[in-house]
N, C-alpha and C. Protein backbone atom coordinates (compact mmCIF):
# COMPACT_ATOMS: atom_id res chain seq x y z
N UNK A 1 105.70 91.75 111.50
CA UNK A 1 105.06 93.04 111.58
C UNK A 1 103.61 92.86 111.15
N UNK A 2 102.70 93.25 112.01
CA UNK A 2 101.28 93.16 111.69
C UNK A 2 100.81 94.49 111.14
N UNK A 3 100.14 94.43 109.99
CA UNK A 3 99.63 95.63 109.34
C UNK A 3 98.11 95.59 109.30
N UNK A 4 97.48 96.75 109.31
CA UNK A 4 96.03 96.78 109.16
C UNK A 4 95.65 96.42 107.73
N UNK A 5 94.39 96.02 107.54
CA UNK A 5 93.92 95.72 106.19
C UNK A 5 93.93 96.98 105.34
N UNK A 6 94.09 96.80 104.04
CA UNK A 6 94.09 97.94 103.13
C UNK A 6 95.46 98.18 102.53
N UNK A 7 95.68 99.39 102.06
CA UNK A 7 96.96 99.74 101.43
C UNK A 7 98.09 99.73 102.45
N UNK A 8 99.25 99.31 101.99
CA UNK A 8 100.44 99.34 102.83
C UNK A 8 100.84 100.80 103.01
N UNK A 9 101.12 101.22 104.24
CA UNK A 9 101.54 102.61 104.44
C UNK A 9 102.80 102.93 103.63
N UNK A 10 102.88 104.15 103.11
CA UNK A 10 104.00 104.56 102.24
C UNK A 10 105.35 104.34 102.91
N UNK A 11 105.46 104.67 104.18
CA UNK A 11 106.74 104.51 104.88
C UNK A 11 107.15 103.04 104.94
N UNK A 12 106.21 102.15 105.19
CA UNK A 12 106.49 100.72 105.24
C UNK A 12 106.91 100.22 103.86
N UNK A 13 106.21 100.65 102.82
CA UNK A 13 106.55 100.24 101.46
C UNK A 13 107.95 100.70 101.09
N UNK A 14 108.30 101.91 101.45
CA UNK A 14 109.63 102.44 101.15
C UNK A 14 110.71 101.61 101.83
N UNK A 15 110.52 101.31 103.11
CA UNK A 15 111.52 100.55 103.86
C UNK A 15 111.60 99.09 103.44
N UNK A 16 110.44 98.47 103.22
CA UNK A 16 110.40 97.03 102.96
C UNK A 16 110.65 96.65 101.51
N UNK A 17 110.30 97.53 100.55
CA UNK A 17 110.39 97.15 99.14
C UNK A 17 111.28 98.10 98.35
N UNK A 18 110.87 99.35 98.25
CA UNK A 18 111.54 100.27 97.33
C UNK A 18 113.01 100.49 97.68
N UNK A 19 113.36 100.38 98.94
CA UNK A 19 114.75 100.56 99.34
C UNK A 19 115.65 99.38 99.04
N UNK A 20 115.06 98.27 98.56
CA UNK A 20 115.83 97.04 98.35
C UNK A 20 115.71 96.49 96.93
N UNK A 21 115.51 97.36 95.96
CA UNK A 21 115.31 96.89 94.59
C UNK A 21 116.59 96.64 93.83
N UNK A 22 117.72 96.95 94.41
CA UNK A 22 118.98 96.65 93.76
C UNK A 22 119.45 97.75 92.84
N UNK A 23 120.46 97.43 92.05
CA UNK A 23 121.09 98.40 91.16
C UNK A 23 120.16 98.69 89.99
N UNK A 24 120.01 99.95 89.69
CA UNK A 24 119.14 100.34 88.59
C UNK A 24 119.81 100.12 87.25
N UNK A 25 119.02 100.00 86.23
CA UNK A 25 119.51 99.84 84.87
C UNK A 25 119.43 101.19 84.17
N UNK A 26 120.38 101.46 83.30
CA UNK A 26 120.35 102.70 82.52
C UNK A 26 119.15 102.73 81.58
N UNK A 27 118.57 101.57 81.31
CA UNK A 27 117.40 101.50 80.43
C UNK A 27 116.11 101.92 81.13
N UNK A 28 116.13 101.96 82.46
CA UNK A 28 114.94 102.37 83.20
C UNK A 28 114.94 103.89 83.28
N UNK A 29 114.02 104.51 82.55
CA UNK A 29 113.91 105.96 82.54
C UNK A 29 113.15 106.42 83.78
N UNK A 30 112.05 105.75 84.10
CA UNK A 30 111.27 106.03 85.30
C UNK A 30 110.90 104.69 85.90
N UNK A 31 111.44 104.43 87.07
CA UNK A 31 111.18 103.15 87.73
C UNK A 31 110.19 103.29 88.86
N UNK A 32 110.17 102.29 89.75
CA UNK A 32 109.20 102.28 90.83
C UNK A 32 109.42 103.40 91.83
N UNK A 33 108.31 104.00 92.23
CA UNK A 33 108.35 105.02 93.28
C UNK A 33 106.95 105.20 93.83
N UNK A 34 106.87 105.79 94.98
CA UNK A 34 105.56 106.02 95.60
C UNK A 34 104.75 106.98 94.75
N UNK A 35 103.51 106.64 94.53
CA UNK A 35 102.62 107.51 93.78
C UNK A 35 102.66 107.32 92.27
N UNK A 36 103.57 106.49 91.78
CA UNK A 36 103.65 106.23 90.34
C UNK A 36 103.03 104.87 90.04
N UNK A 37 102.13 104.83 89.10
CA UNK A 37 101.51 103.57 88.69
C UNK A 37 102.07 103.08 87.36
N UNK A 38 103.13 103.71 86.90
CA UNK A 38 103.68 103.34 85.60
C UNK A 38 105.19 103.34 85.61
N UNK A 39 105.74 102.89 84.51
CA UNK A 39 107.19 102.86 84.34
C UNK A 39 107.51 103.19 82.89
N UNK A 40 108.72 103.71 82.69
CA UNK A 40 109.21 104.02 81.35
C UNK A 40 110.56 103.33 81.20
N UNK A 41 110.68 102.49 80.17
CA UNK A 41 111.88 101.69 79.96
C UNK A 41 112.32 101.81 78.51
N UNK A 42 113.63 101.99 78.28
CA UNK A 42 114.18 101.99 76.91
C UNK A 42 114.28 100.54 76.44
N UNK A 43 113.79 100.30 75.23
CA UNK A 43 113.89 98.99 74.60
C UNK A 43 114.47 99.23 73.22
N UNK A 44 115.77 99.04 73.10
CA UNK A 44 116.43 99.36 71.83
C UNK A 44 116.37 100.85 71.58
N UNK A 45 115.86 101.24 70.41
CA UNK A 45 115.76 102.67 70.09
C UNK A 45 114.36 103.22 70.37
N UNK A 46 113.55 102.44 71.08
CA UNK A 46 112.19 102.87 71.42
C UNK A 46 112.05 102.96 72.94
N UNK A 47 110.91 103.49 73.37
CA UNK A 47 110.62 103.59 74.80
C UNK A 47 109.29 102.89 75.06
N UNK A 48 109.25 102.06 76.09
CA UNK A 48 108.05 101.35 76.49
C UNK A 48 107.48 102.02 77.73
N UNK A 49 106.22 102.43 77.66
CA UNK A 49 105.52 102.97 78.82
C UNK A 49 104.52 101.91 79.26
N UNK A 50 104.60 101.51 80.51
CA UNK A 50 103.67 100.50 81.02
C UNK A 50 103.02 101.00 82.30
N UNK A 51 101.90 100.42 82.62
CA UNK A 51 101.17 100.79 83.83
C UNK A 51 100.73 99.52 84.54
N UNK A 52 100.59 99.63 85.83
CA UNK A 52 100.13 98.50 86.62
C UNK A 52 99.34 99.03 87.80
N UNK A 53 98.07 98.75 87.78
CA UNK A 53 97.17 99.21 88.83
C UNK A 53 96.30 98.03 89.23
N UNK A 54 96.35 97.61 90.48
CA UNK A 54 95.48 96.50 90.88
C UNK A 54 94.02 96.96 90.89
N UNK A 55 93.15 96.06 90.53
CA UNK A 55 91.72 96.35 90.55
C UNK A 55 91.13 95.58 91.73
N UNK A 56 90.69 96.30 92.74
CA UNK A 56 90.14 95.66 93.93
C UNK A 56 88.73 96.17 94.18
N UNK A 57 87.92 95.34 94.75
CA UNK A 57 86.58 95.74 95.11
C UNK A 57 85.56 95.64 93.99
N UNK A 58 86.01 95.42 92.77
CA UNK A 58 85.07 95.35 91.64
C UNK A 58 84.57 93.92 91.49
N UNK A 59 83.30 93.77 91.21
CA UNK A 59 82.74 92.45 90.95
C UNK A 59 82.15 92.35 89.55
N UNK A 60 81.99 93.48 88.90
CA UNK A 60 81.48 93.50 87.53
C UNK A 60 82.42 94.33 86.66
N UNK A 61 82.47 94.00 85.39
CA UNK A 61 83.27 94.73 84.39
C UNK A 61 84.75 94.83 84.80
N UNK A 62 85.26 93.79 85.40
CA UNK A 62 86.63 93.80 85.89
C UNK A 62 87.62 93.99 84.75
N UNK A 63 87.42 93.28 83.64
CA UNK A 63 88.32 93.42 82.50
C UNK A 63 88.30 94.83 81.93
N UNK A 64 87.10 95.39 81.78
CA UNK A 64 86.96 96.76 81.28
C UNK A 64 87.69 97.73 82.19
N UNK A 65 87.50 97.58 83.49
CA UNK A 65 88.18 98.46 84.45
C UNK A 65 89.70 98.31 84.35
N UNK A 66 90.18 97.07 84.30
CA UNK A 66 91.63 96.83 84.24
C UNK A 66 92.25 97.51 83.03
N UNK A 67 91.63 97.37 81.88
CA UNK A 67 92.17 97.98 80.66
C UNK A 67 92.08 99.50 80.74
N UNK A 68 90.93 100.03 81.08
CA UNK A 68 90.74 101.48 81.03
C UNK A 68 91.49 102.23 82.12
N UNK A 69 91.58 101.68 83.30
CA UNK A 69 92.34 102.36 84.37
C UNK A 69 93.82 102.40 84.01
N UNK A 70 94.35 101.27 83.51
CA UNK A 70 95.77 101.25 83.15
C UNK A 70 96.05 102.06 81.89
N UNK A 71 95.12 102.06 80.94
CA UNK A 71 95.29 102.90 79.74
C UNK A 71 95.31 104.37 80.13
N UNK A 72 94.50 104.75 81.09
CA UNK A 72 94.50 106.12 81.59
C UNK A 72 95.86 106.47 82.20
N UNK A 73 96.43 105.54 82.96
CA UNK A 73 97.75 105.79 83.55
C UNK A 73 98.80 105.99 82.47
N UNK A 74 98.75 105.18 81.41
CA UNK A 74 99.69 105.34 80.30
C UNK A 74 99.49 106.71 79.65
N UNK A 75 98.25 107.11 79.47
CA UNK A 75 97.96 108.40 78.84
C UNK A 75 98.49 109.57 79.65
N UNK A 76 98.58 109.42 80.97
CA UNK A 76 99.11 110.52 81.79
C UNK A 76 100.59 110.78 81.51
N UNK A 77 101.26 109.84 80.85
CA UNK A 77 102.65 110.04 80.44
C UNK A 77 102.72 110.74 79.08
N UNK A 78 101.57 111.07 78.52
CA UNK A 78 101.54 111.74 77.22
C UNK A 78 101.65 110.78 76.06
N UNK A 79 101.32 109.53 76.29
CA UNK A 79 101.43 108.49 75.27
C UNK A 79 100.05 107.95 74.96
N UNK A 80 99.79 107.66 73.69
CA UNK A 80 98.51 107.05 73.31
C UNK A 80 98.59 105.55 73.64
N UNK A 81 97.72 105.06 74.53
CA UNK A 81 97.74 103.62 74.85
C UNK A 81 97.49 102.78 73.60
N UNK A 82 98.25 101.70 73.47
CA UNK A 82 98.04 100.79 72.34
C UNK A 82 98.40 99.38 72.75
């Protein structure tokens, strides 16, 4: 399947990836889905909120962008990034 450059279309991502992730774990509170850049997972008696956002097109301050963009995503879950 040939795709245009850029983001993978949502329908293609759903069919090719999200529909084949296997059996979910009870520890996954919020797992992968379209439009979500983060996940919430139970770890013992605590909850881990993580974010993952690719940084593309930047040639300067890449580290600053990576930290701040992902920290912002964590904050949208109502959690103070740390």
